[in-house]
């Protein structure tokens, strides 16, 4: 059975988040959370929060044990972009692009549906 959790509009660029999300795929869910707590990056905190939510979904909605779950996929999708401008030299405007991400964590217990 597959359980998923989704965090939308996380204020961090998808490229930075994918670096951390790539490292937890295939790990056991509790081990993935422990690993993410040791990574000193903001993206690790956001992904850990989503993994914990997926574990809670599995325990409360599907009556699954957290120990039997593995991270099947951790997908970081592009979110909307906020475009701003900052004053530059000689009256010019320098663009600032503030990117957002959507985090999708899918956990699996290994059993077929």
PDB file of N, CA and C in Angstrom:
ATOM      1  N   UNK A   1       0.842  -1.174   0.000  1.00  0.00           N
ATOM      2  CA  UNK A   1       0.000   0.000   0.000  1.00  0.00           C
ATOM      3  C   UNK A   1       0.890   1.241   0.000  1.00  0.00           C
ATOM      4  N   UNK A   2       0.472   2.220  -0.737  1.00  0.00           N
ATOM      5  CA  UNK A   2       1.242   3.460  -0.809  1.00  0.00           C
ATOM      6  C   UNK A   2       0.519   4.582  -0.080  1.00  0.00           C
ATOM      7  N   UNK A   3       1.276   5.317   0.706  1.00  0.00           N
ATOM      8  CA  UNK A   3       0.770   6.461   1.455  1.00  0.00           C
ATOM      9  C   UNK A   3       1.589   7.666   1.035  1.00  0.00           C
ATOM     10  N   UNK A   4       0.929   8.810   0.878  1.00  0.00           N
ATOM     11  CA  UNK A   4       1.687   9.992   0.478  1.00  0.00           C
ATOM     12  C   UNK A   4       1.343  11.199   1.333  1.00  0.00           C
ATOM     13  N   UNK A   5       2.277  12.143   1.340  1.00  0.00           N
ATOM     14  CA  UNK A   5       2.067  13.434   1.993  1.00  0.00           C
ATOM     15  C   UNK A   5       2.603  14.495   1.045  1.00  0.00           C
ATOM     16  N   UNK A   6       1.981  15.661   1.082  1.00  0.00           N
ATOM     17  CA  UNK A   6       2.325  16.732   0.158  1.00  0.00           C
ATOM     18  C   UNK A   6       2.450  18.043   0.917  1.00  0.00           C
ATOM     19  N   UNK A   7       3.558  18.719   0.711  1.00  0.00           N
ATOM     20  CA  UNK A   7       3.741  20.073   1.233  1.00  0.00           C
ATOM     21  C   UNK A   7       3.824  20.998   0.039  1.00  0.00           C
ATOM     22  N   UNK A   8       2.978  21.986   0.017  1.00  0.00           N
ATOM     23  CA  UNK A   8       2.949  22.893  -1.128  1.00  0.00           C
ATOM     24  C   UNK A   8       3.481  24.264  -0.733  1.00  0.00           C
ATOM     25  N   UNK A   9       4.027  24.955  -1.712  1.00  0.00           N
ATOM     26  CA  UNK A   9       4.503  26.338  -1.582  1.00  0.00           C
ATOM     27  C   UNK A   9       5.606  26.493  -0.536  1.00  0.00           C
ATOM     28  N   UNK A  10       6.526  25.551  -0.499  1.00  0.00           N
ATOM     29  CA  UNK A  10       7.684  25.677   0.387  1.00  0.00           C
ATOM     30  C   UNK A  10       8.613  26.726  -0.208  1.00  0.00           C
ATOM     31  N   UNK A  11       9.034  27.719   0.586  1.00  0.00           N
ATOM     32  CA  UNK A  11       9.814  28.839   0.080  1.00  0.00           C
ATOM     33  C   UNK A  11      11.293  28.484  -0.024  1.00  0.00           C
ATOM     34  N   UNK A  12      11.613  27.603  -0.961  1.00  0.00           N
ATOM     35  CA  UNK A  12      12.991  27.242  -1.247  1.00  0.00           C
ATOM     36  C   UNK A  12      13.027  26.728  -2.676  1.00  0.00           C
ATOM     37  N   UNK A  13      14.141  26.942  -3.335  1.00  0.00           N
ATOM     38  CA  UNK A  13      14.223  26.544  -4.739  1.00  0.00           C
ATOM     39  C   UNK A  13      14.231  25.022  -4.857  1.00  0.00           C
ATOM     40  N   UNK A  14      13.607  24.511  -5.901  1.00  0.00           N
ATOM     41  CA  UNK A  14      13.540  23.061  -6.080  1.00  0.00           C
ATOM     42  C   UNK A  14      14.919  22.417  -6.225  1.00  0.00           C
ATOM     43  N   UNK A  15      15.854  23.104  -6.822  1.00  0.00           N
ATOM     44  CA  UNK A  15      17.190  22.536  -7.021  1.00  0.00           C
ATOM     45  C   UNK A  15      17.868  22.245  -5.685  1.00  0.00           C
ATOM     46  N   UNK A  16      17.741  23.140  -4.733  1.00  0.00           N
ATOM     47  CA  UNK A  16      18.340  22.944  -3.413  1.00  0.00           C
ATOM     48  C   UNK A  16      17.657  21.800  -2.666  1.00  0.00           C
ATOM     49  N   UNK A  17      16.356  21.664  -2.849  1.00  0.00           N
ATOM     50  CA  UNK A  17      15.625  20.616  -2.139  1.00  0.00           C
ATOM     51  C   UNK A  17      15.871  19.242  -2.747  1.00  0.00           C
ATOM     52  N   UNK A  18      16.063  19.169  -4.059  1.00  0.00           N
ATOM     53  CA  UNK A  18      16.278  17.876  -4.709  1.00  0.00           C
ATOM     54  C   UNK A  18      17.572  17.218  -4.255  1.00  0.00           C
ATOM     55  N   UNK A  19      18.573  18.014  -3.918  1.00  0.00           N
ATOM     56  CA  UNK A  19      19.839  17.458  -3.443  1.00  0.00           C
ATOM     57  C   UNK A  19      19.636  16.607  -2.190  1.00  0.00           C
ATOM     58  N   UNK A  20      18.781  17.064  -1.293  1.00  0.00           N
ATOM     59  CA  UNK A  20      18.527  16.334  -0.048  1.00  0.00           C
ATOM     60  C   UNK A  20      17.513  15.214  -0.277  1.00  0.00           C
ATOM     61  N   UNK A  21      16.492  15.475  -1.086  1.00  0.00           N
ATOM     62  CA  UNK A  21      15.439  14.480  -1.309  1.00  0.00           C
ATOM     63  C   UNK A  21      15.993  13.232  -1.982  1.00  0.00           C
ATOM     64  N   UNK A  22      17.013  13.383  -2.820  1.00  0.00           N
ATOM     65  CA  UNK A  22      17.613  12.256  -3.521  1.00  0.00           C
ATOM     66  C   UNK A  22      18.252  11.264  -2.552  1.00  0.00           C
ATOM     67  N   UNK A  23      18.705  11.754  -1.404  1.00  0.00           N
ATOM     68  CA  UNK A  23      19.446  10.903  -0.472  1.00  0.00           C
ATOM     69  C   UNK A  23      18.565   9.982   0.366  1.00  0.00           C
ATOM     70  N   UNK A  24      17.255  10.266   0.474  1.00  0.00           N
ATOM     71  CA  UNK A  24      16.404   9.455   1.355  1.00  0.00           C
ATOM     72  C   UNK A  24      15.606   8.400   0.612  1.00  0.00           C
ATOM     73  N   UNK A  25      15.626   8.397  -0.710  1.00  0.00           N
ATOM     74  CA  UNK A  25      14.843   7.417  -1.455  1.00  0.00           C
ATOM     75  C   UNK A  25      15.371   6.009  -1.200  1.00  0.00           C
ATOM     76  N   UNK A  26      14.447   5.111  -0.887  1.00  0.00           N
ATOM     77  CA  UNK A  26      14.812   3.725  -0.625  1.00  0.00           C
ATOM     78  C   UNK A  26      15.124   3.421   0.830  1.00  0.00           C
ATOM     79  N   UNK A  27      15.210   4.430   1.684  1.00  0.00           N
ATOM     80  CA  UNK A  27      15.493   4.194   3.107  1.00  0.00           C
ATOM     81  C   UNK A  27      14.210   3.836   3.855  1.00  0.00           C
ATOM     82  N   UNK A  28      14.379   3.195   5.000  1.00  0.00           N
ATOM     83  CA  UNK A  28      13.245   2.989   5.901  1.00  0.00           C
ATOM     84  C   UNK A  28      12.801   4.355   6.411  1.00  0.00           C
ATOM     85  N   UNK A  29      11.501   4.528   6.629  1.00  0.00           N
ATOM     86  CA  UNK A  29      10.966   5.836   6.993  1.00  0.00           C
ATOM     87  C   UNK A  29      11.547   6.388   8.295  1.00  0.00           C
ATOM     88  N   UNK A  30      11.617   5.611   9.399  1.00  0.00           N
ATOM     89  CA  UNK A  30      12.211   6.165  10.619  1.00  0.00           C
ATOM     90  C   UNK A  30      13.689   6.521  10.445  1.00  0.00           C
ATOM     91  N   UNK A  31      14.408   5.718   9.659  1.00  0.00           N
ATOM     92  CA  UNK A  31      15.823   6.009   9.410  1.00  0.00           C
ATOM     93  C   UNK A  31      15.986   7.262   8.575  1.00  0.00           C
ATOM     94  N   UNK A  32      15.051   7.496   7.663  1.00  0.00           N
ATOM     95  CA  UNK A  32      15.101   8.704   6.836  1.00  0.00           C
ATOM     96  C   UNK A  32      14.898   9.950   7.691  1.00  0.00           C
ATOM     97  N   UNK A  33      13.978   9.878   8.654  1.00  0.00           N
ATOM     98  CA  UNK A  33      13.738  11.030   9.540  1.00  0.00           C
ATOM     99  C   UNK A  33      14.971  11.299  10.394  1.00  0.00           C
ATOM    100  N   UNK A  34      15.571  10.240  10.929  1.00  0.00           N
ATOM    101  CA  UNK A  34      16.780  10.418  11.743  1.00  0.00           C
ATOM    102  C   UNK A  34      17.912  11.024  10.912  1.00  0.00           C
ATOM    103  N   UNK A  35      18.061  10.569   9.677  1.00  0.00           N
ATOM    104  CA  UNK A  35      19.092  11.097   8.788  1.00  0.00           C
ATOM    105  C   UNK A  35      18.853  12.581   8.514  1.00  0.00           C
ATOM    106  N   UNK A  36      17.596  12.934   8.232  1.00  0.00           N
ATOM    107  CA  UNK A  36      17.286  14.328   7.901  1.00  0.00           C
ATOM    108  C   UNK A  36      17.500  15.264   9.092  1.00  0.00           C
ATOM    109  N   UNK A  37      17.345  14.749  10.312  1.00  0.00           N
ATOM    110  CA  UNK A  37      17.576  15.585  11.489  1.00  0.00           C
ATOM    111  C   UNK A  37      19.052  15.948  11.643  1.00  0.00           C
ATOM    112  N   UNK A  38      19.939  15.148  11.054  1.00  0.00           N
ATOM    113  CA  UNK A  38      21.379  15.405  11.157  1.00  0.00           C
ATOM    114  C   UNK A  38      21.921  16.274  10.038  1.00  0.00           C
ATOM    115  N   UNK A  39      21.143  16.454   8.978  1.00  0.00           N
ATOM    116  CA  UNK A  39      21.593  17.264   7.842  1.00  0.00           C
ATOM    117  C   UNK A  39      21.363  18.741   8.163  1.00  0.00           C
ATOM    118  N   UNK A  40      22.416  19.565   8.129  1.00  0.00           N
ATOM    119  CA  UNK A  40      22.280  20.972   8.545  1.00  0.00           C
ATOM    120  C   UNK A  40      21.804  21.899   7.423  1.00  0.00           C
ATOM    121  N   UNK A  41      20.654  21.598   6.853  1.00  0.00           N
ATOM    122  CA  UNK A  41      20.114  22.432   5.781  1.00  0.00           C
ATOM    123  C   UNK A  41      18.635  22.667   6.020  1.00  0.00           C
ATOM    124  N   UNK A  42      18.163  23.812   5.558  1.00  0.00           N
ATOM    125  CA  UNK A  42      16.751  24.151   5.704  1.00  0.00           C
ATOM    126  C   UNK A  42      15.879  23.158   4.934  1.00  0.00           C
ATOM    127  N   UNK A  43      16.338  22.742   3.768  1.00  0.00           N
ATOM    128  CA  UNK A  43      15.559  21.803   2.969  1.00  0.00           C
ATOM    129  C   UNK A  43      15.363  20.479   3.707  1.00  0.00           C
ATOM    130  N   UNK A  44      16.336  20.055   4.491  1.00  0.00           N
ATOM    131  CA  UNK A  44      16.206  18.810   5.253  1.00  0.00           C
ATOM    132  C   UNK A  44      15.103  18.929   6.293  1.00  0.00           C
ATOM    133  N   UNK A  45      14.987  20.090   6.923  1.00  0.00           N
ATOM    134  CA  UNK A  45      13.913  20.289   7.914  1.00  0.00           C
ATOM    135  C   UNK A  45      12.540  20.228   7.246  1.00  0.00           C
ATOM    136  N   UNK A  46      12.401  20.844   6.079  1.00  0.00           N
ATOM    137  CA  UNK A  46      11.115  20.850   5.382  1.00  0.00           C
ATOM    138  C   UNK A  46      10.740  19.447   4.896  1.00  0.00           C
ATOM    139  N   UNK A  47      11.713  18.707   4.381  1.00  0.00           N
ATOM    140  CA  UNK A  47      11.447  17.349   3.904  1.00  0.00           C
ATOM    141  C   UNK A  47      11.146  16.427   5.077  1.00  0.00           C
ATOM    142  N   UNK A  48      11.846  16.597   6.201  1.00  0.00           N
ATOM    143  CA  UNK A  48      11.585  15.770   7.393  1.00  0.00           C
ATOM    144  C   UNK A  48      10.162  15.981   7.894  1.00  0.00           C
ATOM    145  N   UNK A  49       9.700  17.199   7.857  1.00  0.00           N
ATOM    146  CA  UNK A  49       8.338  17.504   8.283  1.00  0.00           C
ATOM    147  C   UNK A  49       7.316  16.776   7.407  1.00  0.00           C
ATOM    148  N   UNK A  50       7.593  16.710   6.106  1.00  0.00           N
ATOM    149  CA  UNK A  50       6.692  16.033   5.186  1.00  0.00           C
ATOM    150  C   UNK A  50       6.746  14.518   5.379  1.00  0.00           C
ATOM    151  N   UNK A  51       7.929  13.970   5.645  1.00  0.00           N
ATOM    152  CA  UNK A  51       8.050  12.526   5.897  1.00  0.00           C
ATOM    153  C   UNK A  51       7.298  12.157   7.169  1.00  0.00           C
ATOM    154  N   UNK A  52       7.426  12.972   8.212  1.00  0.00           N
ATOM    155  CA  UNK A  52       6.685  12.713   9.453  1.00  0.00           C
ATOM    156  C   UNK A  52       5.181  12.738   9.205  1.00  0.00           C
ATOM    157  N   UNK A  53       4.726  13.645   8.351  1.00  0.00           N
ATOM    158  CA  UNK A  53       3.307  13.720   8.016  1.00  0.00           C
ATOM    159  C   UNK A  53       2.861  12.462   7.281  1.00  0.00           C
ATOM    160  N   UNK A  54       3.691  11.962   6.377  1.00  0.00           N
ATOM    161  CA  UNK A  54       3.356  10.736   5.649  1.00  0.00           C
ATOM    162  C   UNK A  54       3.296   9.537   6.599  1.00  0.00           C
ATOM    163  N   UNK A  55       4.203   9.488   7.573  1.00  0.00           N
ATOM    164  CA  UNK A  55       4.188   8.406   8.562  1.00  0.00           C
ATOM    165  C   UNK A  55       2.911   8.481   9.395  1.00  0.00           C
ATOM    166  N   UNK A  56       2.531   9.680   9.794  1.00  0.00           N
ATOM    167  CA  UNK A  56       1.297   9.859  10.569  1.00  0.00           C
ATOM    168  C   UNK A  56       0.078   9.462   9.739  1.00  0.00           C
ATOM    169  N   UNK A  57       0.086   9.784   8.444  1.00  0.00           N
ATOM    170  CA  UNK A  57      -1.019   9.369   7.566  1.00  0.00           C
ATOM    171  C   UNK A  57      -1.120   7.850   7.519  1.00  0.00           C
ATOM    172  N   UNK A  58       0.020   7.176   7.437  1.00  0.00           N
ATOM    173  CA  UNK A  58       0.022   5.717   7.362  1.00  0.00           C
ATOM    174  C   UNK A  58      -0.489   5.102   8.659  1.00  0.00           C
ATOM    175  N   UNK A  59      -0.072   5.650   9.796  1.00  0.00           N
ATOM    176  CA  UNK A  59      -0.483   5.091  11.086  1.00  0.00           C
ATOM    177  C   UNK A  59      -1.959   5.348  11.372  1.00  0.00           C
ATOM    178  N   UNK A  60      -2.435   6.548  11.081  1.00  0.00           N
ATOM    179  CA  UNK A  60      -3.806   6.911  11.445  1.00  0.00           C
ATOM    180  C   UNK A  60      -4.847   6.497  10.410  1.00  0.00           C
ATOM    181  N   UNK A  61      -4.509   6.576   9.129  1.00  0.00           N
ATOM    182  CA  UNK A  61      -5.507   6.313   8.090  1.00  0.00           C
ATOM    183  C   UNK A  61      -5.480   4.882   7.582  1.00  0.00           C
ATOM    184  N   UNK A  62      -4.307   4.252   7.589  1.00  0.00           N
ATOM    185  CA  UNK A  62      -4.200   2.907   7.018  1.00  0.00           C
ATOM    186  C   UNK A  62      -3.805   1.846   8.047  1.00  0.00           C
ATOM    187  N   UNK A  63      -3.653   2.227   9.312  1.00  0.00           N
ATOM    188  CA  UNK A  63      -3.277   1.303  10.390  1.00  0.00           C
ATOM    189  C   UNK A  63      -2.006   0.522  10.076  1.00  0.00           C
ATOM    190  N   UNK A  64      -0.985   1.218   9.557  1.00  0.00           N
ATOM    191  CA  UNK A  64       0.301   0.595   9.245  1.00  0.00           C
ATOM    192  C   UNK A  64       1.326   0.994  10.297  1.00  0.00           C
ATOM    193  N   UNK A  65       2.296   0.121  10.522  1.00  0.00           N
ATOM    194  CA  UNK A  65       3.375   0.412  11.449  1.00  0.00           C
ATOM    195  C   UNK A  65       4.443   1.231  10.741  1.00  0.00           C
ATOM    196  N   UNK A  66       5.020   2.190  11.440  1.00  0.00           N
ATOM    197  CA  UNK A  66       6.044   3.048  10.848  1.00  0.00           C
ATOM    198  C   UNK A  66       7.310   2.269  10.514  1.00  0.00           C
ATOM    199  N   UNK A  67       7.581   1.197  11.267  1.00  0.00           N
ATOM    200  CA  UNK A  67       8.794   0.410  11.040  1.00  0.00           C
ATOM    201  C   UNK A  67       8.762  -0.360   9.725  1.00  0.00           C
ATOM    202  N   UNK A  68       7.562  -0.628   9.216  1.00  0.00           N
ATOM    203  CA  UNK A  68       7.452  -1.410   7.981  1.00  0.00           C
ATOM    204  C   UNK A  68       7.465  -0.543   6.727  1.00  0.00           C
ATOM    205  N   UNK A  69       7.537   0.768   6.880  1.00  0.00           N
ATOM    206  CA  UNK A  69       7.441   1.676   5.733  1.00  0.00           C
ATOM    207  C   UNK A  69       8.813   2.048   5.183  1.00  0.00           C
ATOM    208  N   UNK A  70       8.884   2.172   3.865  1.00  0.00           N
ATOM    209  CA  UNK A  70      10.084   2.684   3.205  1.00  0.00           C
ATOM    210  C   UNK A  70       9.697   3.861   2.336  1.00  0.00           C
ATOM    211  N   UNK A  71      10.660   4.736   2.078  1.00  0.00           N
ATOM    212  CA  UNK A  71      10.423   5.898   1.228  1.00  0.00           C
ATOM    213  C   UNK A  71      10.524   5.423  -0.215  1.00  0.00           C
ATOM    214  N   UNK A  72       9.380   5.306  -0.875  1.00  0.00           N
ATOM    215  CA  UNK A  72       9.372   4.836  -2.256  1.00  0.00           C
ATOM    216  C   UNK A  72       9.862   5.932  -3.191  1.00  0.00           C
ATOM    217  N   UNK A  73       9.362   7.151  -2.990  1.00  0.00           N
ATOM    218  CA  UNK A  73       9.836   8.268  -3.815  1.00  0.00           C
ATOM    219  C   UNK A  73       9.716   9.568  -3.035  1.00  0.00           C
ATOM    220  N   UNK A  74      10.656  10.437  -3.310  1.00  0.00           N
ATOM    221  CA  UNK A  74      10.645  11.793  -2.756  1.00  0.00           C
ATOM    222  C   UNK A  74      10.800  12.733  -3.939  1.00  0.00           C
ATOM    223  N   UNK A  75       9.711  13.355  -4.333  1.00  0.00           N
ATOM    224  CA  UNK A  75       9.685  14.171  -5.542  1.00  0.00           C
ATOM    225  C   UNK A  75       9.534  15.637  -5.163  1.00  0.00           C
ATOM    226  N   UNK A  76      10.384  16.456  -5.742  1.00  0.00           N
ATOM    227  CA  UNK A  76      10.299  17.901  -5.543  1.00  0.00           C
ATOM    228  C   UNK A  76       9.853  18.512  -6.865  1.00  0.00           C
ATOM    229  N   UNK A  77       8.701  19.142  -6.847  1.00  0.00           N
ATOM    230  CA  UNK A  77       8.150  19.736  -8.057  1.00  0.00           C
ATOM    231  C   UNK A  77       8.283  21.251  -7.991  1.00  0.00           C
ATOM    232  N   UNK A  78       8.322  21.869  -9.151  1.00  0.00           N
ATOM    233  CA  UNK A  78       8.412  23.328  -9.215  1.00  0.00           C
ATOM    234  C   UNK A  78       7.096  23.949  -8.792  1.00  0.00           C
ATOM    235  N   UNK A  79       7.186  24.975  -7.966  1.00  0.00           N
ATOM    236  CA  UNK A  79       6.021  25.732  -7.563  1.00  0.00           C
ATOM    237  C   UNK A  79       6.017  27.063  -8.299  1.00  0.00           C
ATOM    238  N   UNK A  80       5.153  27.970  -7.884  1.00  0.00           N
ATOM    239  CA  UNK A  80       5.122  29.278  -8.521  1.00  0.00           C
ATOM    240  C   UNK A  80       6.367  30.105  -8.183  1.00  0.00           C
ATOM    241  N   UNK A  81       6.595  31.131  -8.967  1.00  0.00           N
ATOM    242  CA  UNK A  81       7.760  31.992  -8.802  1.00  0.00           C
ATOM    243  C   UNK A  81       7.277  33.401  -8.486  1.00  0.00           C
ATOM    244  N   UNK A  82       7.866  34.004  -7.458  1.00  0.00           N
ATOM    245  CA  UNK A  82       7.574  35.401  -7.129  1.00  0.00           C
ATOM    246  C   UNK A  82       8.664  36.254  -7.766  1.00  0.00           C
ATOM    247  N   UNK A  83       8.263  37.214  -8.573  1.00  0.00           N
ATOM    248  CA  UNK A  83       9.246  38.058  -9.258  1.00  0.00           C
ATOM    249  C   UNK A  83       9.252  39.439  -8.622  1.00  0.00           C
ATOM    250  N   UNK A  84      10.426  39.865  -8.204  1.00  0.00           N
ATOM    251  CA  UNK A  84      10.618  41.171  -7.574  1.00  0.00           C
ATOM    252  C   UNK A  84      11.792  41.869  -8.245  1.00  0.00           C
ATOM    253  N   UNK A  85      11.913  43.151  -7.989  1.00  0.00           N
ATOM    254  CA  UNK A  85      13.028  43.924  -8.528  1.00  0.00           C
ATOM    255  C   UNK A  85      13.705  44.692  -7.416  1.00  0.00           C
ATOM    256  N   UNK A  86      15.024  44.820  -7.506  1.00  0.00           N
ATOM    257  CA  UNK A  86      15.806  45.577  -6.548  1.00  0.00           C
ATOM    258  C   UNK A  86      16.526  46.678  -7.308  1.00  0.00           C
ATOM    259  N   UNK A  87      16.645  47.836  -6.701  1.00  0.00           N
ATOM    260  CA  UNK A  87      17.296  48.968  -7.359  1.00  0.00           C
ATOM    261  C   UNK A  87      18.758  48.655  -7.618  1.00  0.00           C
ATOM    262  N   UNK A  88      19.208  48.985  -8.818  1.00  0.00           N
ATOM    263  CA  UNK A  88      20.598  48.762  -9.192  1.00  0.00           C
ATOM    264  C   UNK A  88      21.291  50.082  -9.469  1.00  0.00           C
ATOM    265  N   UNK A  89      22.483  49.992  -9.968  1.00  0.00           N
ATOM    266  CA  UNK A  89      23.275  51.191 -10.247  1.00  0.00           C
ATOM    267  C   UNK A  89      22.659  51.996 -11.392  1.00  0.00           C
ATOM    268  N   UNK A  90      22.809  53.298 -11.322  1.00  0.00           N
ATOM    269  CA  UNK A  90      22.369  54.220 -12.373  1.00  0.00           C
ATOM    270  C   UNK A  90      20.884  54.112 -12.689  1.00  0.00           C
ATOM    271  N   UNK A  91      20.084  53.865 -11.699  1.00  0.00           N
ATOM    272  CA  UNK A  91      18.641  53.840 -11.883  1.00  0.00           C
ATOM    273  C   UNK A  91      18.101  52.598 -12.550  1.00  0.00           C
ATOM    274  N   UNK A  92      18.885  51.547 -12.640  1.00  0.00           N
ATOM    275  CA  UNK A  92      18.402  50.318 -13.259  1.00  0.00           C
ATOM    276  C   UNK A  92      17.719  49.440 -12.212  1.00  0.00           C
ATOM    277  N   UNK A  93      17.028  48.432 -12.699  1.00  0.00           N
ATOM    278  CA  UNK A  93      16.346  47.489 -11.816  1.00  0.00           C
ATOM    279  C   UNK A  93      16.933  46.105 -12.036  1.00  0.00           C
ATOM    280  N   UNK A  94      17.307  45.438 -10.949  1.00  0.00           N
ATOM    281  CA  UNK A  94      17.859  44.088 -11.011  1.00  0.00           C
ATOM    282  C   UNK A  94      16.771  43.095 -10.591  1.00  0.00           C
ATOM    283  N   UNK A  95      16.502  42.088 -11.433  1.00  0.00           N
ATOM    284  CA  UNK A  95      15.439  41.132 -11.083  1.00  0.00           C
ATOM    285  C   UNK A  95      15.840  40.192  -9.949  1.00  0.00           C
ATOM    286  N   UNK A  96      14.880  39.860  -9.109  1.00  0.00           N
ATOM    287  CA  UNK A  96      15.021  38.864  -8.055  1.00  0.00           C
ATOM    288  C   UNK A  96      13.934  37.827  -8.283  1.00  0.00           C
ATOM    289  N   UNK A  97      14.318  36.575  -8.424  1.00  0.00           N
ATOM    290  CA  UNK A  97      13.367  35.496  -8.644  1.00  0.00           C
ATOM    291  C   UNK A  97      13.331  34.639  -7.385  1.00  0.00           C
ATOM    292  N   UNK A  98      12.182  34.597  -6.724  1.00  0.00           N
ATOM    293  CA  UNK A  98      12.026  33.830  -5.493  1.00  0.00           C
ATOM    294  C   UNK A  98      11.203  32.583  -5.818  1.00  0.00           C
ATOM    295  N   UNK A  99      11.873  31.443  -5.819  1.00  0.00           N
ATOM    296  CA  UNK A  99      11.241  30.206  -6.250  1.00  0.00           C
ATOM    297  C   UNK A  99      10.585  29.464  -5.095  1.00  0.00           C
ATOM    298  N   UNK A 100       9.573  28.666  -5.429  1.00  0.00           N
ATOM    299  CA  UNK A 100       8.882  27.831  -4.456  1.00  0.00           C
ATOM    300  C   UNK A 100       8.873  26.389  -4.947  1.00  0.00           C
ATOM    301  N   UNK A 101       8.610  25.470  -4.017  1.00  0.00           N
ATOM    302  CA  UNK A 101       8.618  24.044  -4.330  1.00  0.00           C
ATOM    303  C   UNK A 101       7.390  23.362  -3.751  1.00  0.00           C
ATOM    304  N   UNK A 102       7.052  22.239  -4.346  1.00  0.00           N
ATOM    305  CA  UNK A 102       6.060  21.336  -3.791  1.00  0.00           C
ATOM    306  C   UNK A 102       6.788  20.031  -3.473  1.00  0.00           C
ATOM    307  N   UNK A 103       6.626  19.526  -2.244  1.00  0.00           N
ATOM    308  CA  UNK A 103       7.301  18.313  -1.800  1.00  0.00           C
ATOM    309  C   UNK A 103       6.273  17.178  -1.759  1.00  0.00           C
ATOM    310  N   UNK A 104       6.573  16.081  -2.466  1.00  0.00           N
ATOM    311  CA  UNK A 104       5.697  14.913  -2.449  1.00  0.00           C
ATOM    312  C   UNK A 104       6.509  13.707  -1.976  1.00  0.00           C
ATOM    313  N   UNK A 105       6.085  13.131  -0.851  1.00  0.00           N
ATOM    314  CA  UNK A 105       6.741  11.951  -0.284  1.00  0.00           C
ATOM    315  C   UNK A 105       5.759  10.777  -0.386  1.00  0.00           C
ATOM    316  N   UNK A 106       6.216   9.689  -0.980  1.00  0.00           N
ATOM    317  CA  UNK A 106       5.395   8.484  -1.095  1.00  0.00           C
ATOM    318  C   UNK A 106       6.081   7.377  -0.299  1.00  0.00           C
ATOM    319  N   UNK A 107       5.343   6.809   0.666  1.00  0.00           N
ATOM    320  CA  UNK A 107       5.833   5.691   1.478  1.00  0.00           C
ATOM    321  C   UNK A 107       5.137   4.417   1.022  1.00  0.00           C
ATOM    322  N   UNK A 108       5.853   3.315   1.112  1.00  0.00           N
ATOM    323  CA  UNK A 108       5.284   2.028   0.721  1.00  0.00           C
ATOM    324  C   UNK A 108       5.627   0.992   1.786  1.00  0.00           C
ATOM    325  N   UNK A 109       4.673   0.062   2.004  1.00  0.00           N
ATOM    326  CA  UNK A 109       4.941  -1.020   2.955  1.00  0.00           C
ATOM    327  C   UNK A 109       5.409  -2.283   2.250  1.00  0.00           C
ATOM    328  N   UNK A 110       5.512  -2.237   0.942  1.00  0.00           N
ATOM    329  CA  UNK A 110       6.008  -3.375   0.181  1.00  0.00           C
ATOM    330  C   UNK A 110       4.952  -4.353  -0.253  1.00  0.00           C
ATOM    331  N   UNK A 111       3.765  -4.253   0.286  1.00  0.00           N
ATOM    332  CA  UNK A 111       2.696  -5.179  -0.085  1.00  0.00           C
ATOM    333  C   UNK A 111       1.944  -4.655  -1.310  1.00  0.00           C
ATOM    334  N   UNK A 112       1.493  -5.574  -2.146  1.00  0.00           N
ATOM    335  CA  UNK A 112       0.708  -5.165  -3.308  1.00  0.00           C
ATOM    336  C   UNK A 112      -0.706  -4.808  -2.862  1.00  0.00           C
ATOM    337  N   UNK A 113      -1.342  -3.931  -3.614  1.00  0.00           N
ATOM    338  CA  UNK A 113      -2.693  -3.480  -3.248  1.00  0.00           C
ATOM    339  C   UNK A 113      -3.665  -4.585  -3.404  1.00  0.00           C
TER     340      UNK A 113
END
